[in-house]
Amino acid sequence: MNKKTVILLVFTLFMWYTGIKGTMFVLSNPDFAYNGLPLWGVHCILAGYLLIGVAITIMTISSWAKSRHSGHAA
């Protein structure tokens, strides 16, 4: 694995972790408002984090699939 892949992987894991943990926190605290931000705003941000995580995961998997033919194991 090269440095770029490792950084991308860490960033993706952070996005997944933030999105999932944040969603769990909001769901367990329904009256929670983050710094005066309405609840739907929090959900939009968390959904964005998850979508970015999903997008990066898909891009990473597709790039791994392309590099497979050069002898790299996914």
PDB file of N, CA and C in Angstrom:
ATOM      1  N   MET A   1       0.843  -1.195   0.000  1.00  0.00           N
ATOM      2  CA  MET A   1       0.000   0.000   0.000  1.00  0.00           C
ATOM      3  C   MET A   1       0.879   1.246   0.000  1.00  0.00           C
ATOM      4  N   ASN A   2       0.547   2.173  -0.857  1.00  0.00           N
ATOM      5  CA  ASN A   2       1.312   3.419  -0.857  1.00  0.00           C
ATOM      6  C   ASN A   2       0.716   4.413   0.147  1.00  0.00           C
ATOM      7  N   LYS A   3       1.419   5.497   0.345  1.00  0.00           N
ATOM      8  CA  LYS A   3       1.019   6.481   1.365  1.00  0.00           C
ATOM      9  C   LYS A   3      -0.354   7.087   1.059  1.00  0.00           C
ATOM     10  N   LYS A   4      -0.621   7.347  -0.210  1.00  0.00           N
ATOM     11  CA  LYS A   4      -1.894   7.947  -0.612  1.00  0.00           C
ATOM     12  C   LYS A   4      -3.073   7.042  -0.240  1.00  0.00           C
ATOM     13  N   THR A   5      -2.916   5.743  -0.471  1.00  0.00           N
ATOM     14  CA  THR A   5      -3.973   4.792  -0.141  1.00  0.00           C
ATOM     15  C   THR A   5      -4.231   4.753   1.352  1.00  0.00           C
ATOM     16  N   VAL A   6      -3.161   4.779   2.151  1.00  0.00           N
ATOM     17  CA  VAL A   6      -3.298   4.735   3.608  1.00  0.00           C
ATOM     18  C   VAL A   6      -4.027   5.985   4.109  1.00  0.00           C
ATOM     19  N   ILE A   7      -3.641   7.153   3.603  1.00  0.00           N
ATOM     20  CA  ILE A   7      -4.288   8.407   4.000  1.00  0.00           C
ATOM     21  C   ILE A   7      -5.767   8.377   3.631  1.00  0.00           C
ATOM     22  N   LEU A   8      -6.071   7.896   2.418  1.00  0.00           N
ATOM     23  CA  LEU A   8      -7.450   7.794   1.962  1.00  0.00           C
ATOM     24  C   LEU A   8      -8.251   6.849   2.850  1.00  0.00           C
ATOM     25  N   LEU A   9      -7.641   5.733   3.222  1.00  0.00           N
ATOM     26  CA  LEU A   9      -8.301   4.756   4.078  1.00  0.00           C
ATOM     27  C   LEU A   9      -8.606   5.336   5.454  1.00  0.00           C
ATOM     28  N   VAL A  10      -7.635   6.021   6.037  1.00  0.00           N
ATOM     29  CA  VAL A  10      -7.833   6.638   7.354  1.00  0.00           C
ATOM     30  C   VAL A  10      -8.944   7.695   7.281  1.00  0.00           C
ATOM     31  N   PHE A  11      -8.914   8.519   6.226  1.00  0.00           N
ATOM     32  CA  PHE A  11      -9.925   9.553   6.041  1.00  0.00           C
ATOM     33  C   PHE A  11     -11.312   8.924   5.903  1.00  0.00           C
ATOM     34  N   THR A  12     -11.408   7.843   5.119  1.00  0.00           N
ATOM     35  CA  THR A  12     -12.681   7.154   4.919  1.00  0.00           C
ATOM     36  C   THR A  12     -13.202   6.585   6.228  1.00  0.00           C
ATOM     37  N   LEU A  13     -12.315   5.932   6.992  1.00  0.00           N
ATOM     38  CA  LEU A  13     -12.719   5.379   8.281  1.00  0.00           C
ATOM     39  C   LEU A  13     -13.198   6.484   9.217  1.00  0.00           C
ATOM     40  N   PHE A  14     -12.510   7.637   9.188  1.00  0.00           N
ATOM     41  CA  PHE A  14     -12.928   8.770  10.012  1.00  0.00           C
ATOM     42  C   PHE A  14     -14.327   9.242   9.615  1.00  0.00           C
ATOM     43  N   MET A  15     -14.594   9.309   8.307  1.00  0.00           N
ATOM     44  CA  MET A  15     -15.907   9.739   7.832  1.00  0.00           C
ATOM     45  C   MET A  15     -16.999   8.761   8.269  1.00  0.00           C
ATOM     46  N   TRP A  16     -16.738   7.462   8.082  1.00  0.00           N
ATOM     47  CA  TRP A  16     -17.699   6.448   8.514  1.00  0.00           C
ATOM     48  C   TRP A  16     -17.932   6.547  10.017  1.00  0.00           C
ATOM     49  N   TYR A  17     -16.831   6.626  10.791  1.00  0.00           N
ATOM     50  CA  TYR A  17     -16.920   6.670  12.244  1.00  0.00           C
ATOM     51  C   TYR A  17     -17.711   7.898  12.710  1.00  0.00           C
ATOM     52  N   THR A  18     -17.380   9.061  12.146  1.00  0.00           N
ATOM     53  CA  THR A  18     -18.055  10.303  12.527  1.00  0.00           C
ATOM     54  C   THR A  18     -19.547  10.232  12.190  1.00  0.00           C
ATOM     55  N   GLY A  19     -19.848   9.764  10.998  1.00  0.00           N
ATOM     56  CA  GLY A  19     -21.244   9.673  10.576  1.00  0.00           C
ATOM     57  C   GLY A  19     -22.048   8.722  11.445  1.00  0.00           C
ATOM     58  N   ILE A  20     -21.496   7.536  11.691  1.00  0.00           N
ATOM     59  CA  ILE A  20     -22.222   6.526  12.463  1.00  0.00           C
ATOM     60  C   ILE A  20     -22.328   6.928  13.938  1.00  0.00           C
ATOM     61  N   LYS A  21     -21.194   7.339  14.543  1.00  0.00           N
ATOM     62  CA  LYS A  21     -21.216   7.748  15.943  1.00  0.00           C
ATOM     63  C   LYS A  21     -22.125   8.948  16.149  1.00  0.00           C
ATOM     64  N   GLY A  22     -22.031   9.916  15.250  1.00  0.00           N
ATOM     65  CA  GLY A  22     -22.865  11.116  15.351  1.00  0.00           C
ATOM     66  C   GLY A  22     -24.341  10.780  15.235  1.00  0.00           C
ATOM     67  N   THR A  23     -24.672   9.891  14.295  1.00  0.00           N
ATOM     68  CA  THR A  23     -26.064   9.475  14.129  1.00  0.00           C
ATOM     69  C   THR A  23     -26.568   8.783  15.383  1.00  0.00           C
ATOM     70  N   MET A  24     -25.758   7.885  15.957  1.00  0.00           N
ATOM     71  CA  MET A  24     -26.148   7.200  17.186  1.00  0.00           C
ATOM     72  C   MET A  24     -26.360   8.201  18.324  1.00  0.00           C
ATOM     73  N   PHE A  25     -25.470   9.201  18.415  1.00  0.00           N
ATOM     74  CA  PHE A  25     -25.586  10.204  19.473  1.00  0.00           C
ATOM     75  C   PHE A  25     -26.867  11.013  19.315  1.00  0.00           C
ATOM     76  N   VAL A  26     -27.143  11.443  18.075  1.00  0.00           N
ATOM     77  CA  VAL A  26     -28.344  12.240  17.828  1.00  0.00           C
ATOM     78  C   VAL A  26     -29.597  11.407  18.110  1.00  0.00           C
ATOM     79  N   LEU A  27     -29.576  10.142  17.696  1.00  0.00           N
ATOM     80  CA  LEU A  27     -30.742   9.295  17.930  1.00  0.00           C
ATOM     81  C   LEU A  27     -30.962   9.037  19.411  1.00  0.00           C
ATOM     82  N   SER A  28     -29.886   8.967  20.195  1.00  0.00           N
ATOM     83  CA  SER A  28     -30.027   8.726  21.622  1.00  0.00           C
ATOM     84  C   SER A  28     -30.319  10.016  22.398  1.00  0.00           C
ATOM     85  N   ASN A  29     -30.169  11.176  21.739  1.00  0.00           N
ATOM     86  CA  ASN A  29     -30.474  12.477  22.352  1.00  0.00           C
ATOM     87  C   ASN A  29     -31.375  13.272  21.414  1.00  0.00           C
ATOM     88  N   PRO A  30     -32.657  12.916  21.343  1.00  0.00           N
ATOM     89  CA  PRO A  30     -33.536  13.537  20.340  1.00  0.00           C
ATOM     90  C   PRO A  30     -33.713  15.040  20.512  1.00  0.00           C
ATOM     91  N   ASP A  31     -33.510  15.563  21.728  1.00  0.00           N
ATOM     92  CA  ASP A  31     -33.697  17.000  21.935  1.00  0.00           C
ATOM     93  C   ASP A  31     -32.389  17.770  21.775  1.00  0.00           C
ATOM     94  N   PHE A  32     -31.366  17.090  21.262  1.00  0.00           N
ATOM     95  CA  PHE A  32     -30.038  17.668  21.140  1.00  0.00           C
ATOM     96  C   PHE A  32     -29.971  18.654  19.971  1.00  0.00           C
ATOM     97  N   ALA A  33     -29.395  19.822  20.234  1.00  0.00           N
ATOM     98  CA  ALA A  33     -29.128  20.780  19.157  1.00  0.00           C
ATOM     99  C   ALA A  33     -27.674  21.215  19.290  1.00  0.00           C
ATOM    100  N   TYR A  34     -26.888  20.987  18.258  1.00  0.00           N
ATOM    101  CA  TYR A  34     -25.450  21.242  18.304  1.00  0.00           C
ATOM    102  C   TYR A  34     -25.163  22.715  18.062  1.00  0.00           C
ATOM    103  N   ASN A  35     -24.717  23.415  19.101  1.00  0.00           N
ATOM    104  CA  ASN A  35     -24.395  24.851  19.019  1.00  0.00           C
ATOM    105  C   ASN A  35     -25.526  25.656  18.370  1.00  0.00           C
ATOM    106  N   GLY A  36     -26.754  25.345  18.728  1.00  0.00           N
ATOM    107  CA  GLY A  36     -27.893  26.074  18.183  1.00  0.00           C
ATOM    108  C   GLY A  36     -28.298  25.620  16.790  1.00  0.00           C
ATOM    109  N   LEU A  37     -27.599  24.631  16.240  1.00  0.00           N
ATOM    110  CA  LEU A  37     -27.941  24.106  14.921  1.00  0.00           C
ATOM    111  C   LEU A  37     -29.166  23.201  15.067  1.00  0.00           C
ATOM    112  N   PRO A  38     -30.191  23.397  14.243  1.00  0.00           N
ATOM    113  CA  PRO A  38     -31.376  22.532  14.356  1.00  0.00           C
ATOM    114  C   PRO A  38     -31.041  21.074  14.046  1.00  0.00           C
ATOM    115  N   LEU A  39     -31.883  20.186  14.541  1.00  0.00           N
ATOM    116  CA  LEU A  39     -31.628  18.748  14.446  1.00  0.00           C
ATOM    117  C   LEU A  39     -31.500  18.295  12.992  1.00  0.00           C
ATOM    118  N   TRP A  40     -32.349  18.832  12.098  1.00  0.00           N
ATOM    119  CA  TRP A  40     -32.257  18.413  10.690  1.00  0.00           C
ATOM    120  C   TRP A  40     -30.919  18.819  10.095  1.00  0.00           C
ATOM    121  N   GLY A  41     -30.352  19.920  10.571  1.00  0.00           N
ATOM    122  CA  GLY A  41     -29.035  20.343  10.100  1.00  0.00           C
ATOM    123  C   GLY A  41     -27.959  19.348  10.501  1.00  0.00           C
ATOM    124  N   VAL A  42     -28.047  18.872  11.753  1.00  0.00           N
ATOM    125  CA  VAL A  42     -27.100  17.860  12.233  1.00  0.00           C
ATOM    126  C   VAL A  42     -27.214  16.609  11.377  1.00  0.00           C
ATOM    127  N   HIS A  43     -28.450  16.180  11.106  1.00  0.00           N
ATOM    128  CA  HIS A  43     -28.658  14.986  10.285  1.00  0.00           C
ATOM    129  C   HIS A  43     -28.110  15.172   8.874  1.00  0.00           C
ATOM    130  N   CYS A  44     -28.261  16.366   8.317  1.00  0.00           N
ATOM    131  CA  CYS A  44     -27.725  16.635   6.970  1.00  0.00           C
ATOM    132  C   CYS A  44     -26.206  16.513   6.958  1.00  0.00           C
ATOM    133  N   ILE A  45     -25.553  17.074   7.984  1.00  0.00           N
ATOM    134  CA  ILE A  45     -24.091  16.998   8.074  1.00  0.00           C
ATOM    135  C   ILE A  45     -23.644  15.544   8.209  1.00  0.00           C
ATOM    136  N   LEU A  46     -24.308  14.793   9.095  1.00  0.00           N
ATOM    137  CA  LEU A  46     -23.937  13.391   9.308  1.00  0.00           C
ATOM    138  C   LEU A  46     -24.185  12.565   8.055  1.00  0.00           C
ATOM    139  N   ALA A  47     -25.293  12.828   7.375  1.00  0.00           N
ATOM    140  CA  ALA A  47     -25.574  12.114   6.125  1.00  0.00           C
ATOM    141  C   ALA A  47     -24.502  12.433   5.092  1.00  0.00           C
ATOM    142  N   GLY A  48     -24.044  13.683   5.082  1.00  0.00           N
ATOM    143  CA  GLY A  48     -22.962  14.077   4.180  1.00  0.00           C
ATOM    144  C   GLY A  48     -21.686  13.306   4.471  1.00  0.00           C
ATOM    145  N   TYR A  49     -21.353  13.197   5.766  1.00  0.00           N
ATOM    146  CA  TYR A  49     -20.171  12.420   6.151  1.00  0.00           C
ATOM    147  C   TYR A  49     -20.287  10.981   5.661  1.00  0.00           C
ATOM    148  N   LEU A  50     -21.452  10.360   5.879  1.00  0.00           N
ATOM    149  CA  LEU A  50     -21.638   8.976   5.448  1.00  0.00           C
ATOM    150  C   LEU A  50     -21.560   8.853   3.932  1.00  0.00           C
ATOM    151  N   LEU A  51     -22.168   9.809   3.215  1.00  0.00           N
ATOM    152  CA  LEU A  51     -22.125   9.756   1.746  1.00  0.00           C
ATOM    153  C   LEU A  51     -20.704   9.898   1.231  1.00  0.00           C
ATOM    154  N   ILE A  52     -19.924  10.807   1.846  1.00  0.00           N
ATOM    155  CA  ILE A  52     -18.519  10.957   1.446  1.00  0.00           C
ATOM    156  C   ILE A  52     -17.771   9.659   1.727  1.00  0.00           C
ATOM    157  N   GLY A  53     -18.029   9.056   2.896  1.00  0.00           N
ATOM    158  CA  GLY A  53     -17.404   7.779   3.240  1.00  0.00           C
ATOM    159  C   GLY A  53     -17.741   6.699   2.229  1.00  0.00           C
ATOM    160  N   VAL A  54     -19.013   6.614   1.843  1.00  0.00           N
ATOM    161  CA  VAL A  54     -19.453   5.626   0.857  1.00  0.00           C
ATOM    162  C   VAL A  54     -18.777   5.883  -0.485  1.00  0.00           C
ATOM    163  N   ALA A  55     -18.753   7.150  -0.907  1.00  0.00           N
ATOM    164  CA  ALA A  55     -18.153   7.488  -2.204  1.00  0.00           C
ATOM    165  C   ALA A  55     -16.672   7.126  -2.237  1.00  0.00           C
ATOM    166  N   ILE A  56     -15.952   7.473  -1.171  1.00  0.00           N
ATOM    167  CA  ILE A  56     -14.515   7.166  -1.128  1.00  0.00           C
ATOM    168  C   ILE A  56     -14.304   5.652  -1.098  1.00  0.00           C
ATOM    169  N   THR A  57     -15.158   4.941  -0.343  1.00  0.00           N
ATOM    170  CA  THR A  57     -15.054   3.479  -0.289  1.00  0.00           C
ATOM    171  C   THR A  57     -15.234   2.878  -1.683  1.00  0.00           C
ATOM    172  N   ILE A  58     -16.251   3.338  -2.422  1.00  0.00           N
ATOM    173  CA  ILE A  58     -16.507   2.823  -3.773  1.00  0.00           C
ATOM    174  C   ILE A  58     -15.330   3.139  -4.700  1.00  0.00           C
ATOM    175  N   MET A  59     -14.820   4.377  -4.628  1.00  0.00           N
ATOM    176  CA  MET A  59     -13.681   4.749  -5.472  1.00  0.00           C
ATOM    177  C   MET A  59     -12.457   3.907  -5.139  1.00  0.00           C
ATOM    178  N   THR A  60     -12.234   3.667  -3.847  1.00  0.00           N
ATOM    179  CA  THR A  60     -11.075   2.875  -3.426  1.00  0.00           C
ATOM    180  C   THR A  60     -11.198   1.443  -3.929  1.00  0.00           C
ATOM    181  N   ILE A  61     -12.390   0.854  -3.784  1.00  0.00           N
ATOM    182  CA  ILE A  61     -12.603  -0.523  -4.244  1.00  0.00           C
ATOM    183  C   ILE A  61     -12.405  -0.613  -5.756  1.00  0.00           C
ATOM    184  N   SER A  62     -12.919   0.380  -6.493  1.00  0.00           N
ATOM    185  CA  SER A  62     -12.767   0.328  -7.955  1.00  0.00           C
ATOM    186  C   SER A  62     -11.305   0.504  -8.362  1.00  0.00           C
ATOM    187  N   SER A  63     -10.558   1.340  -7.632  1.00  0.00           N
ATOM    188  CA  SER A  63      -9.140   1.500  -7.968  1.00  0.00           C
ATOM    189  C   SER A  63      -8.357   0.234  -7.615  1.00  0.00           C
ATOM    190  N   TRP A  64      -8.754  -0.437  -6.524  1.00  0.00           N
ATOM    191  CA  TRP A  64      -8.123  -1.720  -6.186  1.00  0.00           C
ATOM    192  C   TRP A  64      -8.394  -2.747  -7.275  1.00  0.00           C
ATOM    193  N   ALA A  65      -9.648  -2.748  -7.765  1.00  0.00           N
ATOM    194  CA  ALA A  65     -10.017  -3.698  -8.819  1.00  0.00           C
ATOM    195  C   ALA A  65      -9.176  -3.445 -10.079  1.00  0.00           C
ATOM    196  N   LYS A  66      -8.927  -2.179 -10.397  1.00  0.00           N
ATOM    197  CA  LYS A  66      -8.110  -1.842 -11.570  1.00  0.00           C
ATOM    198  C   LYS A  66      -6.658  -2.254 -11.363  1.00  0.00           C
ATOM    199  N   SER A  67      -6.158  -2.108 -10.141  1.00  0.00           N
ATOM    200  CA  SER A  67      -4.745  -2.413  -9.892  1.00  0.00           C
ATOM    201  C   SER A  67      -4.513  -3.904  -9.662  1.00  0.00           C
ATOM    202  N   ARG A  68      -5.573  -4.689  -9.590  1.00  0.00           N
ATOM    203  CA  ARG A  68      -5.443  -6.130  -9.376  1.00  0.00           C
ATOM    204  C   ARG A  68      -4.611  -6.796 -10.457  1.00  0.00           C
ATOM    205  N   HIS A  69      -4.841  -6.373 -11.712  1.00  0.00           N
ATOM    206  CA  HIS A  69      -4.148  -7.016 -12.837  1.00  0.00           C
ATOM    207  C   HIS A  69      -2.642  -6.797 -12.794  1.00  0.00           C
ATOM    208  N   SER A  70      -2.186  -5.816 -12.007  1.00  0.00           N
ATOM    209  CA  SER A  70      -0.744  -5.571 -11.911  1.00  0.00           C
ATOM    210  C   SER A  70      -0.128  -6.349 -10.745  1.00  0.00           C
ATOM    211  N   GLY A  71      -0.888  -7.291 -10.185  1.00  0.00           N
ATOM    212  CA  GLY A  71      -0.331  -8.167  -9.159  1.00  0.00           C
ATOM    213  C   GLY A  71      -0.653  -7.742  -7.729  1.00  0.00           C
ATOM    214  N   HIS A  72      -1.418  -6.680  -7.541  1.00  0.00           N
ATOM    215  CA  HIS A  72      -1.775  -6.235  -6.198  1.00  0.00           C
ATOM    216  C   HIS A  72      -2.959  -7.041  -5.682  1.00  0.00           C
ATOM    217  N   ALA A  73      -2.885  -7.429  -4.428  1.00  0.00           N
ATOM    218  CA  ALA A  73      -4.006  -8.138  -3.803  1.00  0.00           C
ATOM    219  C   ALA A  73      -4.863  -7.123  -3.069  1.00  0.00           C
ATOM    220  N   ALA A  74      -6.181  -7.232  -3.230  1.00  0.00           N
ATOM    221  CA  ALA A  74      -7.088  -6.275  -2.593  1.00  0.00           C
ATOM    222  C   ALA A  74      -7.272  -6.615  -1.127  1.00  0.00           C
TER     223      ALA A  74
END
